[in-house]
Structure formats: structure tokens, C-alpha cells
Protein backbone atom coordinates (compact mmCIF):
# COMPACT_ATOMS: atom_id res chain seq x y z
CA UNK A 1 -56.64 156.42 146.78
CA UNK A 2 -57.80 159.37 144.70
CA UNK A 3 -58.59 162.66 146.44
CA UNK A 4 -61.03 165.05 144.83
CA UNK A 5 -61.01 168.79 145.37
CA UNK A 6 -64.41 170.53 145.43
CA UNK A 7 -65.06 174.18 144.81
CA UNK A 8 -67.81 175.86 146.83
CA UNK A 9 -70.85 176.66 144.72
CA UNK A 10 -72.37 180.11 145.13
CA UNK A 11 -75.77 178.79 144.03
CA UNK A 12 -77.39 175.58 142.81
CA UNK A 13 -75.54 174.38 139.68
CA UNK A 14 -77.14 173.28 136.43
CA UNK A 15 -79.15 170.06 136.38
CA UNK A 16 -77.01 167.04 135.42
CA UNK A 17 -77.78 164.85 132.42
CA UNK A 18 -80.10 161.84 132.75
CA UNK A 19 -78.76 159.11 135.01
CA UNK A 20 -76.17 161.33 136.72
CA UNK A 21 -76.01 163.26 140.02
CA UNK A 22 -73.88 166.16 141.20
CA UNK A 23 -72.24 166.39 144.67
CA UNK A 24 -71.00 169.80 145.80
CA UNK A 25 -70.44 172.07 148.83
CA UNK A 26 -72.17 175.41 149.43
CA UNK A 27 -71.77 177.88 152.27
CA UNK A 28 -74.53 176.08 154.19
CA UNK A 29 -73.19 172.52 153.80
CA UNK A 30 -73.01 169.63 151.34
CA UNK A 31 -75.70 168.95 148.72
CA UNK A 32 -76.47 166.62 145.86
CA UNK A 33 -78.53 167.42 142.78
CA UNK A 34 -80.38 164.68 140.89
CA UNK A 35 -81.17 164.53 137.17
CA UNK A 36 -84.64 165.99 137.85
CA UNK A 37 -83.09 169.17 139.29
CA UNK A 38 -84.01 168.32 142.91
CA UNK A 39 -81.41 169.55 145.42
CA UNK A 40 -81.04 167.71 148.75
CA UNK A 41 -78.97 168.78 151.76
CA UNK A 42 -76.58 166.20 153.19
CA UNK A 43 -75.91 168.39 156.22
CA UNK A 44 -79.43 168.77 157.58
CA UNK A 45 -79.16 165.53 159.55
CA UNK A 46 -76.12 166.86 161.42
CA UNK A 47 -77.92 169.76 163.05
CA UNK A 48 -79.06 170.54 166.57
CA UNK A 49 -81.49 167.63 166.61
CA UNK A 50 -78.56 165.20 166.89
CA UNK A 51 -75.69 167.35 168.22
CA UNK A 52 -75.26 169.35 171.41
CA UNK A 53 -74.06 172.90 170.72
CA UNK A 54 -71.14 174.33 172.66
CA UNK A 55 -72.60 177.13 174.78
CA UNK A 56 -70.74 179.43 177.15
CA UNK A 57 -71.63 181.88 179.92
CA UNK A 58 -68.76 183.60 181.72
CA UNK A 59 -68.79 186.33 184.36
CA UNK A 60 -66.39 189.24 184.78
CA UNK A 61 -66.91 192.36 186.91
CA UNK A 62 -70.56 191.47 187.38
CA UNK A 63 -71.29 191.24 183.63
CA UNK A 64 -72.08 188.10 181.65
CA UNK A 65 -70.73 187.08 178.23
CA UNK A 66 -72.67 184.47 176.28
CA UNK A 67 -71.00 182.47 173.51
CA UNK A 68 -71.92 179.71 171.05
CA UNK A 69 -69.62 177.66 168.83
CA UNK A 70 -70.13 177.42 165.08
CA UNK A 71 -72.46 174.63 163.91
CA UNK A 72 -75.29 174.00 161.46
CA UNK A 73 -78.77 174.72 162.82
CA UNK A 74 -82.25 174.23 161.38
CA UNK A 75 -84.70 177.13 161.75
CA UNK A 76 -88.39 177.35 160.96
CA UNK A 77 -89.39 179.76 158.18
CA UNK A 78 -89.78 183.46 159.01
CA UNK A 79 -93.17 183.11 157.27
CA UNK A 80 -95.55 181.44 159.72
CA UNK A 81 -97.64 179.96 156.90
CA UNK A 82 -94.60 178.15 155.46
CA UNK A 83 -93.43 174.76 156.69
CA UNK A 84 -90.09 174.88 154.86
CA UNK A 85 -87.12 175.11 157.27
CA UNK A 86 -83.72 176.57 156.46
CA UNK A 87 -80.30 175.22 157.42
CA UNK A 88 -77.80 177.87 158.48
CA UNK A 89 -74.13 177.68 159.44
CA UNK A 90 -74.50 179.41 162.79
CA UNK A 91 -71.52 181.42 163.99
CA UNK A 92 -72.95 184.17 166.21
CA UNK A 93 -71.01 187.01 167.80
CA UNK A 94 -70.80 187.04 171.60
CA UNK A 95 -73.59 188.68 173.58
CA UNK A 96 -72.77 190.75 176.69
CA UNK A 97 -75.25 191.42 179.50
CA UNK A 98 -73.78 194.36 181.47
CA UNK A 99 -73.78 194.54 185.24
CA UNK A 100 -76.96 196.35 186.19
CA UNK A 101 -79.20 194.47 183.75
CA UNK A 102 -81.13 192.06 185.98
CA UNK A 103 -83.57 190.43 183.50
CA UNK A 104 -86.13 190.75 186.28
CA UNK A 105 -84.26 188.40 188.65
CA UNK A 106 -84.92 188.78 192.37
CA UNK A 107 -81.69 189.65 194.12
CA UNK A 108 -79.94 186.66 195.73
CA UNK A 109 -82.48 184.20 194.27
CA UNK A 110 -81.07 181.82 191.65
CA UNK A 111 -82.87 181.72 188.33
CA UNK A 112 -82.36 180.49 184.79
CA UNK A 113 -81.44 182.41 181.62
CA UNK A 114 -82.46 180.88 178.28
CA UNK A 115 -79.96 181.22 175.43
CA UNK A 116 -81.19 181.27 171.82
CA UNK A 117 -79.85 181.86 168.33
CA UNK A 118 -81.96 183.89 165.90
CA UNK A 119 -81.81 183.53 162.13
CA UNK A 120 -81.51 187.04 160.70
CA UNK A 121 -81.66 186.32 156.94
CA UNK A 122 -78.92 183.68 157.14
CA UNK A 123 -76.84 185.33 159.87
CA UNK A 124 -77.33 184.04 163.41
CA UNK A 125 -77.37 186.26 166.49
CA UNK A 126 -77.61 185.40 170.18
CA UNK A 127 -80.58 186.36 172.34
CA UNK A 128 -81.38 185.74 176.00
CA UNK A 129 -84.40 185.94 178.32
CA UNK A 130 -85.44 185.11 181.86
CA UNK A 131 -86.88 181.60 181.78
CA UNK A 132 -89.39 182.51 184.49
CA UNK A 133 -90.84 185.34 182.40
CA UNK A 134 -93.56 183.21 180.80
CA UNK A 135 -92.49 183.81 177.18
CA UNK A 136 -93.37 181.29 174.47
CA UNK A 137 -90.16 179.35 173.80
CA UNK A 138 -91.22 176.28 171.80
CA UNK A 139 -89.64 177.57 168.54
CA UNK A 140 -92.97 177.52 166.69
CA UNK A 141 -93.26 181.32 166.91
CA UNK A 142 -91.15 184.31 165.89
CA UNK A 143 -89.47 186.55 168.47
CA UNK A 144 -88.72 190.26 168.64
CA UNK A 145 -85.92 191.53 170.85
CA UNK A 146 -84.85 194.69 172.67
CA UNK A 147 -81.28 195.99 172.53
CA UNK A 148 -79.41 194.77 175.62
CA UNK A 149 -77.93 197.17 178.17
CA UNK A 150 -77.71 198.15 181.84
CA UNK A 151 -81.47 198.75 181.80
CA UNK A 152 -82.35 195.22 180.66
CA UNK A 153 -84.51 194.55 183.72
CA UNK A 154 -87.67 192.90 182.34
CA UNK A 155 -88.42 189.23 182.93
CA UNK A 156 -90.70 188.89 179.90
CA UNK A 157 -88.47 190.41 177.20
CA UNK A 158 -85.96 188.86 174.79
CA UNK A 159 -82.67 190.81 174.64
CA UNK A 160 -79.98 190.83 171.93
CA UNK A 161 -77.09 193.07 170.91
CA UNK A 162 -79.27 194.80 168.29
CA UNK A 163 -83.06 194.98 168.51
CA UNK A 164 -84.70 192.61 166.01
CA UNK A 165 -88.27 192.01 164.86
CA UNK A 166 -90.07 188.74 164.07
CA UNK A 167 -87.16 186.32 163.63
CA UNK A 168 -87.11 182.50 163.81
CA UNK A 169 -85.02 181.18 166.69
CA UNK A 170 -83.52 178.06 168.21
CA UNK A 171 -83.07 177.45 171.94
CA UNK A 172 -79.45 176.31 172.31
CA UNK A 173 -79.08 176.16 176.09
CA UNK A 174 -79.63 177.68 179.48
CA UNK A 175 -77.61 178.89 182.45
CA UNK A 176 -78.45 178.96 186.16
CA UNK A 177 -77.27 182.18 187.85
CA UNK A 178 -77.78 184.54 190.77
CA UNK A 179 -77.95 188.33 190.53
CA UNK A 180 -76.95 190.38 193.57
CA UNK A 181 -78.10 194.01 193.47
CA UNK A 182 -77.51 194.14 189.72
CA UNK A 183 -74.19 192.27 189.61
CA UNK A 184 -74.06 188.72 188.26
CA UNK A 185 -72.22 185.81 189.83
CA UNK A 186 -70.71 182.80 188.08
CA UNK A 187 -73.08 180.28 186.50
CA UNK A 188 -73.76 177.29 188.73
CA UNK A 189 -74.85 175.20 185.74
CA UNK A 190 -74.73 175.55 181.94
CA UNK A 191 -76.85 173.10 179.92
CA UNK A 192 -76.72 172.91 176.11
CA UNK A 193 -79.91 171.89 174.30
CA UNK A 194 -79.97 168.87 172.01
CA UNK A 195 -80.57 165.13 172.06
CA UNK A 196 -82.32 163.97 175.24
CA UNK A 197 -81.49 167.30 176.89
CA UNK A 198 -83.44 169.08 174.14
CA UNK A 199 -86.63 167.22 175.03
CA UNK A 200 -86.17 167.89 178.74
CA UNK A 201 -85.49 171.59 178.17
CA UNK A 202 -88.43 171.90 175.78
CA UNK A 203 -90.77 170.42 178.38
CA UNK A 204 -89.46 172.63 181.16
CA UNK A 205 -89.58 175.70 178.92
CA UNK A 206 -93.19 175.02 177.89
CA UNK A 207 -94.15 174.81 181.58
CA UNK A 208 -92.04 177.87 182.53
CA UNK A 209 -90.08 175.72 185.01
CA UNK A 210 -86.86 177.33 186.25
CA UNK A 211 -84.13 175.77 188.40
CA UNK A 212 -83.24 172.10 188.92
CA UNK A 213 -86.06 170.94 191.21
CA UNK A 214 -87.86 167.97 189.60
CA UNK A 215 -91.32 168.19 188.02
CA UNK A 216 -94.19 165.86 188.91
CA UNK A 217 -97.25 165.40 186.76
CA UNK A 218 -100.91 165.79 187.63
CA UNK A 219 -102.34 162.32 186.93
CA UNK A 220 -106.02 163.33 186.97
CA UNK A 221 -108.15 166.41 187.62
CA UNK A 222 -111.78 167.48 187.49
CA UNK A 223 -113.97 170.58 187.86
CA UNK A 224 -117.62 169.69 188.50
CA UNK A 225 -120.96 171.12 189.67
CA UNK A 226 -121.49 170.05 193.28
CA UNK A 227 -125.29 169.69 193.20
CA UNK A 228 -125.33 167.28 190.24
CA UNK A 229 -121.81 165.93 189.75
CA UNK A 230 -121.87 167.24 186.17
CA UNK A 231 -118.31 167.54 184.85
CA UNK A 232 -117.38 170.98 183.51
CA UNK A 233 -113.82 170.02 182.51
CA UNK A 234 -111.49 167.18 183.39
CA UNK A 235 -108.47 165.06 182.58
CA UNK A 236 -108.36 161.28 183.12
CA UNK A 237 -111.77 161.37 184.84
CA UNK A 238 -114.66 159.42 183.33
CA UNK A 239 -117.41 160.37 185.76
CA UNK A 240 -118.52 161.95 189.04
CA UNK A 241 -121.43 160.51 191.05
CA UNK A 242 -123.17 162.55 193.75
CA UNK A 243 -123.93 160.08 196.57
CA UNK A 244 -125.70 162.70 198.70
CA UNK A 245 -125.21 166.19 200.06
CA UNK A 246 -121.48 166.93 200.08
CA UNK A 247 -120.56 163.37 199.07
CA UNK A 248 -119.13 162.37 195.66
CA UNK A 249 -117.27 159.51 193.98
CA UNK A 250 -114.81 160.30 191.17
CA UNK A 251 -113.96 157.53 188.70
CA UNK A 252 -110.62 157.64 186.85
CA UNK A 253 -110.54 156.84 183.13
CA UNK A 254 -107.18 155.12 183.59
CA UNK A 255 -106.41 153.86 187.10
CA UNK A 256 -103.68 155.62 189.07
CA UNK A 257 -100.46 153.58 189.44
CA UNK A 258 -100.94 152.90 193.18
CA UNK A 259 -102.72 154.27 196.25
CA UNK A 260 -99.82 156.43 197.40
CA UNK A 261 -101.02 159.53 195.57
CA UNK A 262 -101.73 163.02 196.89
CA UNK A 263 -104.84 165.05 196.14
CA UNK A 264 -105.70 168.73 196.23
CA UNK A 265 -109.26 170.05 196.69
CA UNK A 266 -110.79 173.44 195.98
CA UNK A 267 -114.29 174.80 196.57
CA UNK A 268 -116.04 177.22 194.21
CA UNK A 269 -118.60 179.64 195.60
CA UNK A 270 -118.31 178.11 199.08
CA UNK A 271 -118.75 179.47 202.56
CA UNK A 272 -117.27 177.61 205.56
CA UNK A 273 -116.74 174.30 203.76
CA UNK A 274 -113.79 171.95 204.07
CA UNK A 275 -113.00 168.62 202.43
CA UNK A 276 -113.13 165.42 204.49
CA UNK A 277 -112.10 162.09 202.97
CA UNK A 278 -114.23 159.21 204.23
CA UNK A 279 -112.71 155.98 202.89
CA UNK A 280 -109.39 154.37 202.04
CA UNK A 281 -107.63 155.45 198.85
CA UNK A 282 -107.88 153.20 195.81
CA UNK A 283 -106.62 153.37 192.25
CA UNK A 284 -109.91 153.31 190.32
CA UNK A 285 -112.15 155.71 192.25
CA UNK A 286 -111.89 158.46 194.84
CA UNK A 287 -114.73 159.24 197.29
CA UNK A 288 -114.76 162.35 199.44
CA UNK A 289 -117.11 164.50 201.49
CA UNK A 290 -117.34 168.20 202.26
CA UNK A 291 -118.51 169.51 205.62
CA UNK A 292 -118.85 172.82 207.40
CA UNK A 293 -115.71 173.85 209.27
CA UNK A 294 -117.67 175.10 212.30
CA UNK A 295 -120.24 172.31 212.89
CA UNK A 296 -118.90 169.51 210.64
CA UNK A 297 -122.44 169.16 209.28
CA UNK A 298 -122.72 167.90 205.69
CA UNK A 299 -122.59 170.83 203.29
CA UNK A 300 -121.48 171.49 199.74
CA UNK A 301 -120.18 174.45 197.72
CA UNK A 302 -121.37 175.49 194.29
CA UNK A 303 -118.60 173.54 192.61
CA UNK A 304 -115.53 171.45 193.34
CA UNK A 305 -112.09 171.04 191.79
CA UNK A 306 -109.90 168.04 192.65
CA UNK A 307 -106.40 167.22 191.37
CA UNK A 308 -104.33 164.06 191.87
CA UNK A 309 -100.54 163.77 191.90
CA UNK A 310 -98.20 160.78 191.96
């Protein structure tokens, strides 16, 4: 069996003659070039969308060291108006969070640190942030970072070895940890991003959900004017009927899966008004009343909000 040796190309080679293709390696992976001069990456399909990266977080003397193994990653363009991604052979240097840098963690309360790689003109660098800080982490934006150190105490800041401005990034994992008076303990869980885990992490990141407690969805919600039943905003609610003073029926657009749901009520512009449910639960509609807390007489606030969970 013949074995061919390939030399790495520094740039795209010349276009082959009609009816022929060229196959060659470059620093960012394998490519082929057709007779129309169109270059296609053969490596793009082997990126973070199908592979889990190897991510590390180790503790020594109260400091944390974050690591990531070399692999190809796809990044969005650094130009927000461009939809052309770039494939980079990511091999970032380690990132050290010194003891004393808390990332805004509450002492003795476990939280989650997000780990990302930034694309700095073809060179990847690690960055971290407190997952509970409310930062946008869906990879559709660019991030700017602050140089990491003992004073890295903000929950809503990205930190990296060197401060960077407006770089594309990729979330590659997260680590659950506890900080005690500035000193870090060992990670209780390290989760790389990718495959099914990537979708789970993306959802939790978008909702700013930290820790391992499960999430449960709101199946329907509505904000309406009490005196008329007019809907101001809603989800999975097709209508609200005012049956009388402090008495309404909510109809779901799509029925709830069963009657074992929970609901939460809020009054807008109300005085001493509480919610009183007056019928059995069902999956298509929900009827409830509001009454005064002191006399239990029928009464209604200016507006109502109701949410349903199952």
C-alpha cells in the first residue's frame, strides 16, 4: 500500500487544472481545492460541535489553574456583521486564578465558573467568569476581559491572563467550586462543553443557572388588566374572561400535560387582596378569585399576573 507524504502549505496553493482537485494540510487542518479555486476545510466537522474538549481545573495553595487540551475549534467572526466562522487549532496557555481573587463568590457557598477560549487573531487564550454574574455567554457576541489577579473579585467580569478587547469566544466547560475567605477548594465537578452537554450548558448559561439543581419550565403565564380581562402579555394563554368582580377564567392555548401543576399569583396595584382558587384544577382552563384578606369580600387589584409550572 502506497504512503504519501504531504508538506504543510503556508497558504492556499494554485488552482488545479480542469477536472482535478488538490488535497493538502495547513496549520489549521486538512483542505481540498477544486478546479474552480474553491477551498473547503475537511477539519471543520471535527470541531467542538462533535467532540468534547479536555478541560482541567486544579487547586493548589488556594489558587486555581485552568487548562484545555489542543483541538480544533470554530469561532464566529470578530466582525459582528460577518457570518463567516474561522477554524483554529486551539492550544491555549494555562490560566491561573490566584488565591484572593473571588470572582464575586459568596464565601462557603458553592458556585460555578465558566471556562472559555478566545480567538485572538488565530491564537486562543483562556478566559473565565462567574456563571451567576449575568453575562451574555451564548457565543453570538464578543467579549472583553480584565487581566486576572488577586483583585479579580467581580461576578460580572471576564478575566484572562492579559486583558483583551472584543474577541470571539467559545464556552468549553465549567467547574463547580467553593471559595472560603478568598482561598479556593478543589472542584466538585468539571463539565466539558460539547455534544449533548453543549446544549444543556448553553441553556443553563442563557438562563444564568448555576449549580446542579434541575430546572423546570414555566408552561404558561399571563399579565392582564383585572377590570376587563384584557391581556397585556402572555405565553401559552389564548384568553382571559372576567366572570365578575375578582373572578376570572384563563384559557390555555395548549393544554397543560395534567392537573398536577403549580401556579403562582401576583397582584398589581392592590391593597389587601389575596388569591383564592374556587374550583378543581383542569388542563384547559384555570379559574380563580381574589378576595380581601381582612373580610374575604370579593375584591380585585388593578392587574393580575399568573404563572403555571409542571
